[in-house]
Amino acid sequence: SDSSNYTIRKVTAAGVVTTVAGTPGTSGSADGPVATALFNAVGGVAFDSEGNLYVADSGNYTIRKISTAGVVSTLAGVAGMRGETDGTGSQARLYDPQNLAVDSAGYLYVADGKGNVIRKITPAGVVTTLAGSAGSSGSADGTGTAAQFNDPTGIAVDASANVYVADLGNDPVRKITPAGVVTTI
């Protein structure tokens, strides 16, 4: 992601850079073909097993999907509407989506930075809070909303669907099991 240029770029092994989606220097939020889609302060990206590319559109508080057919759509959230609401598609609100990871079943995990939570999104766009307490920072281990984070930014998922989080504000790496149990590792 090329955040300051509001674009998604591809770099080949030979070092050739091309724009995959977005218009360099133009921010906004527009779905549609990659040639006309617009983004705002993009964060992390992740591919699913089918080749779809997901984008944390941080400046718009949304999660965007770039299909293998080259069409951009908003999977979760509404551009310009920050929040902490679980829901489906445009009913969900994200506070600060920073980075993404996708598991083998196609579930998307979002490090919702200043929102202090880890969100889980189904392939159909159903957003739930996997762990953390929205709007409340801390470092407590626990299950689900009993756990606390402080600006989680980095995220990865392993083959067993355990999620690993770089908890930037607290400095440790945290582990979340599929059941939502958070431990500091």
C-alpha atoms as a PDB file:
ATOM      1  CA  SER A   1       0.000   0.000   0.000  1.00  0.00           C
ATOM      2  CA  ASP A   2       1.214   3.473  -0.864  1.00  0.00           C
ATOM      3  CA  SER A   3      -0.580   5.389   1.862  1.00  0.00           C
ATOM      4  CA  SER A   4       0.399   8.949   0.995  1.00  0.00           C
ATOM      5  CA  ASN A   5      -0.439   8.395  -2.693  1.00  0.00           C
ATOM      6  CA  TYR A   6      -3.768   6.685  -1.878  1.00  0.00           C
ATOM      7  CA  THR A   7      -2.905   3.707  -4.067  1.00  0.00           C
ATOM      8  CA  ILE A   8      -2.200   0.008  -4.075  1.00  0.00           C
ATOM      9  CA  ARG A   9       1.028  -0.772  -5.935  1.00  0.00           C
ATOM     10  CA  LYS A  10       2.610  -3.919  -7.327  1.00  0.00           C
ATOM     11  CA  VAL A  11       6.369  -4.434  -7.484  1.00  0.00           C
ATOM     12  CA  THR A  12       7.609  -7.253  -9.711  1.00  0.00           C
ATOM     13  CA  ALA A  13      10.687  -9.341  -8.930  1.00  0.00           C
ATOM     14  CA  ALA A  14      12.502  -7.196 -11.522  1.00  0.00           C
ATOM     15  CA  GLY A  15      11.591  -4.037  -9.572  1.00  0.00           C
ATOM     16  CA  VAL A  16       8.935  -2.734 -11.959  1.00  0.00           C
ATOM     17  CA  VAL A  17       6.275  -0.744 -10.073  1.00  0.00           C
ATOM     18  CA  THR A  18       2.692  -0.430 -11.319  1.00  0.00           C
ATOM     19  CA  THR A  19      -0.476   0.959  -9.766  1.00  0.00           C
ATOM     20  CA  VAL A  20      -3.039  -1.788  -9.124  1.00  0.00           C
ATOM     21  CA  ALA A  21      -5.827   0.444  -7.805  1.00  0.00           C
ATOM     22  CA  GLY A  22      -6.427   4.052  -6.891  1.00  0.00           C
ATOM     23  CA  THR A  23      -5.331   7.313  -8.462  1.00  0.00           C
ATOM     24  CA  PRO A  24      -1.938   8.644  -7.320  1.00  0.00           C
ATOM     25  CA  GLY A  25      -2.365  11.878  -5.370  1.00  0.00           C
ATOM     26  CA  THR A  26      -6.173  11.701  -5.269  1.00  0.00           C
ATOM     27  CA  SER A  27      -7.897  10.641  -2.058  1.00  0.00           C
ATOM     28  CA  GLY A  28     -11.504   9.603  -1.751  1.00  0.00           C
ATOM     29  CA  SER A  29     -13.744   6.585  -1.524  1.00  0.00           C
ATOM     30  CA  ALA A  30     -15.125   5.199  -4.727  1.00  0.00           C
ATOM     31  CA  ASP A  31     -15.907   1.570  -5.480  1.00  0.00           C
ATOM     32  CA  GLY A  32     -15.805   0.157  -9.000  1.00  0.00           C
ATOM     33  CA  PRO A  33     -13.138  -0.810 -11.506  1.00  0.00           C
ATOM     34  CA  VAL A  34      -9.562  -0.497 -10.188  1.00  0.00           C
ATOM     35  CA  ALA A  35      -8.876   2.290 -12.713  1.00  0.00           C
ATOM     36  CA  THR A  36     -11.504   4.567 -11.136  1.00  0.00           C
ATOM     37  CA  ALA A  37     -11.585   3.382  -7.506  1.00  0.00           C
ATOM     38  CA  LEU A  38     -10.374   5.801  -4.826  1.00  0.00           C
ATOM     39  CA  PHE A  39      -8.779   5.192  -1.418  1.00  0.00           C
ATOM     40  CA  ASN A  40      -7.739   7.365   1.522  1.00  0.00           C
ATOM     41  CA  ALA A  41      -4.572   6.739   3.583  1.00  0.00           C
ATOM     42  CA  VAL A  42      -4.426   3.002   2.922  1.00  0.00           C
ATOM     43  CA  GLY A  43      -2.908   0.679   5.506  1.00  0.00           C
ATOM     44  CA  GLY A  44      -2.156  -3.022   5.317  1.00  0.00           C
ATOM     45  CA  VAL A  45      -3.171  -5.452   2.603  1.00  0.00           C
ATOM     46  CA  ALA A  46      -3.732  -9.221   2.529  1.00  0.00           C
ATOM     47  CA  PHE A  47      -4.644 -11.836  -0.081  1.00  0.00           C
ATOM     48  CA  ASP A  48      -7.103 -14.675   0.391  1.00  0.00           C
ATOM     49  CA  SER A  49      -6.578 -18.130  -1.133  1.00  0.00           C
ATOM     50  CA  GLU A  50      -8.670 -17.188  -4.186  1.00  0.00           C
ATOM     51  CA  GLY A  51      -6.457 -14.219  -5.046  1.00  0.00           C
ATOM     52  CA  ASN A  52      -8.749 -11.438  -3.818  1.00  0.00           C
ATOM     53  CA  LEU A  53      -6.864  -8.545  -2.231  1.00  0.00           C
ATOM     54  CA  TYR A  54      -8.172  -6.881   0.932  1.00  0.00           C
ATOM     55  CA  VAL A  55      -7.167  -3.342   1.909  1.00  0.00           C
ATOM     56  CA  ALA A  56      -7.374  -1.565   5.254  1.00  0.00           C
ATOM     57  CA  ASP A  57      -8.581   1.810   3.977  1.00  0.00           C
ATOM     58  CA  SER A  58      -7.554   3.540   7.190  1.00  0.00           C
ATOM     59  CA  GLY A  59      -8.455   7.081   6.186  1.00  0.00           C
ATOM     60  CA  ASN A  60     -11.986   6.003   5.276  1.00  0.00           C
ATOM     61  CA  TYR A  61     -12.440   3.612   8.276  1.00  0.00           C
ATOM     62  CA  THR A  62     -13.344   0.784   5.902  1.00  0.00           C
ATOM     63  CA  ILE A  63     -12.150  -2.582   4.645  1.00  0.00           C
ATOM     64  CA  ARG A  64     -12.067  -2.779   0.862  1.00  0.00           C
ATOM     65  CA  LYS A  65     -11.878  -5.803  -1.418  1.00  0.00           C
ATOM     66  CA  ILE A  66     -10.212  -5.920  -4.819  1.00  0.00           C
ATOM     67  CA  SER A  67     -11.597  -8.941  -6.642  1.00  0.00           C
ATOM     68  CA  THR A  68      -9.622 -11.034  -9.063  1.00  0.00           C
ATOM     69  CA  ALA A  69     -11.794  -9.422 -11.776  1.00  0.00           C
ATOM     70  CA  GLY A  70     -10.354  -6.001 -10.851  1.00  0.00           C
ATOM     71  CA  VAL A  71     -13.393  -4.573  -9.086  1.00  0.00           C
ATOM     72  CA  VAL A  72     -13.113  -2.664  -5.798  1.00  0.00           C
ATOM     73  CA  SER A  73     -15.936  -2.926  -3.256  1.00  0.00           C
ATOM     74  CA  THR A  74     -16.375  -1.946   0.369  1.00  0.00           C
ATOM     75  CA  LEU A  75     -16.603  -5.104   2.482  1.00  0.00           C
ATOM     76  CA  ALA A  76     -17.117  -3.439   5.867  1.00  0.00           C
ATOM     77  CA  GLY A  77     -17.746   0.033   7.203  1.00  0.00           C
ATOM     78  CA  VAL A  78     -18.828   3.307   5.622  1.00  0.00           C
ATOM     79  CA  ALA A  79     -16.374   5.916   4.343  1.00  0.00           C
ATOM     80  CA  GLY A  80     -16.034   8.805   6.783  1.00  0.00           C
ATOM     81  CA  MET A  81     -18.002   7.072   9.560  1.00  0.00           C
ATOM     82  CA  ARG A  82     -15.653   6.023  12.360  1.00  0.00           C
ATOM     83  CA  GLY A  83     -16.978   3.791  15.101  1.00  0.00           C
ATOM     84  CA  GLU A  84     -16.808   0.579  17.058  1.00  0.00           C
ATOM     85  CA  THR A  85     -19.955  -1.270  15.994  1.00  0.00           C
ATOM     86  CA  ASP A  86     -20.129  -4.939  15.052  1.00  0.00           C
ATOM     87  CA  GLY A  87     -22.472  -5.650  12.154  1.00  0.00           C
ATOM     88  CA  THR A  88     -22.684  -6.683   8.532  1.00  0.00           C
ATOM     89  CA  GLY A  89     -21.165  -4.637   5.714  1.00  0.00           C
ATOM     90  CA  SER A  90     -22.241  -1.004   5.924  1.00  0.00           C
ATOM     91  CA  GLN A  91     -23.792  -1.562   9.358  1.00  0.00           C
ATOM     92  CA  ALA A  92     -20.346  -2.178  10.877  1.00  0.00           C
ATOM     93  CA  ARG A  93     -18.065   0.631  12.005  1.00  0.00           C
ATOM     94  CA  LEU A  94     -14.281   0.493  12.319  1.00  0.00           C
ATOM     95  CA  TYR A  95     -12.254   2.990  14.295  1.00  0.00           C
ATOM     96  CA  ASP A  96      -8.696   2.748  12.967  1.00  0.00           C
ATOM     97  CA  PRO A  97      -8.125  -0.260  10.682  1.00  0.00           C
ATOM     98  CA  GLN A  98      -4.347  -0.610  10.388  1.00  0.00           C
ATOM     99  CA  ASN A  99      -3.370  -4.057   9.117  1.00  0.00           C
ATOM    100  CA  LEU A 100      -4.961  -7.286   7.945  1.00  0.00           C
ATOM    101  CA  ALA A 101      -4.435 -11.038   7.893  1.00  0.00           C
ATOM    102  CA  VAL A 102      -6.512 -13.770   6.215  1.00  0.00           C
ATOM    103  CA  ASP A 103      -6.807 -17.349   7.447  1.00  0.00           C
ATOM    104  CA  SER A 104      -7.169 -20.479   5.305  1.00  0.00           C
ATOM    105  CA  ALA A 105     -10.979 -20.386   5.640  1.00  0.00           C
ATOM    106  CA  GLY A 106     -11.131 -16.846   4.229  1.00  0.00           C
ATOM    107  CA  TYR A 107     -11.784 -15.028   7.504  1.00  0.00           C
ATOM    108  CA  LEU A 108     -10.175 -11.605   7.692  1.00  0.00           C
ATOM    109  CA  TYR A 109      -8.581 -10.288  10.890  1.00  0.00           C
ATOM    110  CA  VAL A 110      -8.168  -6.547  11.433  1.00  0.00           C
ATOM    111  CA  ALA A 111      -5.824  -4.780  13.837  1.00  0.00           C
ATOM    112  CA  ASP A 112      -8.108  -1.849  14.669  1.00  0.00           C
ATOM    113  CA  GLY A 113      -5.300   0.332  16.085  1.00  0.00           C
ATOM    114  CA  LYS A 114      -6.639   3.240  18.138  1.00  0.00           C
ATOM    115  CA  GLY A 115      -9.899   1.310  18.544  1.00  0.00           C
ATOM    116  CA  ASN A 116      -7.852  -1.088  20.718  1.00  0.00           C
ATOM    117  CA  VAL A 117      -9.576  -4.196  19.334  1.00  0.00           C
ATOM    118  CA  ILE A 118      -9.038  -7.082  16.942  1.00  0.00           C
ATOM    119  CA  ARG A 119     -11.937  -7.532  14.567  1.00  0.00           C
ATOM    120  CA  LYS A 120     -12.892 -10.672  12.622  1.00  0.00           C
ATOM    121  CA  ILE A 121     -14.731 -10.407   9.306  1.00  0.00           C
ATOM    122  CA  THR A 122     -16.398 -13.305   7.503  1.00  0.00           C
ATOM    123  CA  PRO A 123     -16.162 -13.574   3.708  1.00  0.00           C
ATOM    124  CA  ALA A 124     -19.757 -12.240   3.657  1.00  0.00           C
ATOM    125  CA  GLY A 125     -18.733  -9.081   5.540  1.00  0.00           C
ATOM    126  CA  VAL A 126     -20.011  -9.905   9.035  1.00  0.00           C
ATOM    127  CA  VAL A 127     -17.810  -7.992  11.492  1.00  0.00           C
ATOM    128  CA  THR A 128     -17.378  -9.101  15.109  1.00  0.00           C
ATOM    129  CA  THR A 129     -14.943  -8.132  17.829  1.00  0.00           C
ATOM    130  CA  LEU A 130     -12.636 -11.090  18.437  1.00  0.00           C
ATOM    131  CA  ALA A 131     -10.760  -9.547  21.340  1.00  0.00           C
ATOM    132  CA  GLY A 132     -10.269  -6.276  23.133  1.00  0.00           C
ATOM    133  CA  SER A 133     -12.499  -3.652  24.644  1.00  0.00           C
ATOM    134  CA  ALA A 134     -13.472  -0.918  22.192  1.00  0.00           C
ATOM    135  CA  GLY A 135     -12.279   2.504  23.268  1.00  0.00           C
ATOM    136  CA  SER A 136     -10.463   1.161  26.321  1.00  0.00           C
ATOM    137  CA  SER A 137      -6.702   0.707  26.235  1.00  0.00           C
ATOM    138  CA  GLY A 138      -4.776  -1.597  28.525  1.00  0.00           C
ATOM    139  CA  SER A 139      -2.649  -4.722  28.615  1.00  0.00           C
ATOM    140  CA  ALA A 140      -4.854  -7.324  30.310  1.00  0.00           C
ATOM    141  CA  ASP A 141      -4.845 -10.884  29.029  1.00  0.00           C
ATOM    142  CA  GLY A 142      -8.252 -12.562  29.011  1.00  0.00           C
ATOM    143  CA  THR A 143     -10.997 -13.831  26.771  1.00  0.00           C
ATOM    144  CA  GLY A 144     -12.810 -11.689  24.219  1.00  0.00           C
ATOM    145  CA  THR A 145     -13.743  -8.259  25.526  1.00  0.00           C
ATOM    146  CA  ALA A 146     -12.062  -8.969  28.893  1.00  0.00           C
ATOM    147  CA  ALA A 147      -8.696  -8.623  27.125  1.00  0.00           C
ATOM    148  CA  GLN A 148      -7.185  -5.220  26.446  1.00  0.00           C
ATOM    149  CA  PHE A 149      -4.837  -3.811  23.809  1.00  0.00           C
ATOM    150  CA  ASN A 150      -3.160  -0.456  23.323  1.00  0.00           C
ATOM    151  CA  ASP A 151      -2.977   0.481  19.634  1.00  0.00           C
ATOM    152  CA  PRO A 152      -2.609  -2.978  18.045  1.00  0.00           C
ATOM    153  CA  THR A 153      -1.092  -2.467  14.618  1.00  0.00           C
ATOM    154  CA  GLY A 154       0.601  -5.593  13.229  1.00  0.00           C
ATOM    155  CA  ILE A 155      -1.305  -8.828  12.733  1.00  0.00           C
ATOM    156  CA  ALA A 156      -0.711 -12.333  11.376  1.00  0.00           C
ATOM    157  CA  VAL A 157      -2.571 -15.648  11.490  1.00  0.00           C
ATOM    158  CA  ASP A 158      -1.164 -19.184  11.499  1.00  0.00           C
ATOM    159  CA  ALA A 159      -2.492 -22.414   9.965  1.00  0.00           C
ATOM    160  CA  SER A 160      -4.427 -23.209  13.175  1.00  0.00           C
ATOM    161  CA  ALA A 161      -6.219 -19.804  13.069  1.00  0.00           C
ATOM    162  CA  ASN A 162      -4.254 -18.416  16.024  1.00  0.00           C
ATOM    163  CA  VAL A 163      -3.871 -14.674  15.586  1.00  0.00           C
ATOM    164  CA  TYR A 164      -0.664 -12.850  16.527  1.00  0.00           C
ATOM    165  CA  VAL A 165      -0.765  -9.145  17.266  1.00  0.00           C
ATOM    166  CA  ALA A 166       1.935  -6.510  17.612  1.00  0.00           C
ATOM    167  CA  ASP A 167       0.483  -4.479  20.487  1.00  0.00           C
ATOM    168  CA  LEU A 168       2.308  -1.243  19.670  1.00  0.00           C
ATOM    169  CA  GLY A 169       1.279   0.806  22.704  1.00  0.00           C
ATOM    170  CA  ASN A 170       2.264  -1.947  25.138  1.00  0.00           C
ATOM    171  CA  ASP A 171       5.264  -3.298  23.156  1.00  0.00           C
ATOM    172  CA  PRO A 172       4.583  -7.072  23.414  1.00  0.00           C
ATOM    173  CA  VAL A 173       3.389  -9.660  20.913  1.00  0.00           C
ATOM    174  CA  ARG A 174       0.015 -11.105  21.871  1.00  0.00           C
ATOM    175  CA  LYS A 175      -1.631 -14.382  20.804  1.00  0.00           C
ATOM    176  CA  ILE A 176      -5.367 -14.867  20.325  1.00  0.00           C
ATOM    177  CA  THR A 177      -6.729 -18.397  20.015  1.00  0.00           C
ATOM    178  CA  PRO A 178      -9.739 -19.110  17.761  1.00  0.00           C
ATOM    179  CA  ALA A 179     -11.861 -19.033  20.938  1.00  0.00           C
ATOM    180  CA  GLY A 180     -10.704 -15.475  21.658  1.00  0.00           C
ATOM    181  CA  VAL A 181      -8.306 -16.247  24.521  1.00  0.00           C
ATOM    182  CA  VAL A 182      -5.579 -13.580  24.601  1.00  0.00           C
ATOM    183  CA  THR A 183      -2.150 -14.227  26.111  1.00  0.00           C
ATOM    184  CA  THR A 184       1.074 -12.265  26.048  1.00  0.00           C
ATOM    185  CA  ILE A 185       3.842 -14.270  24.466  1.00  0.00           C
END
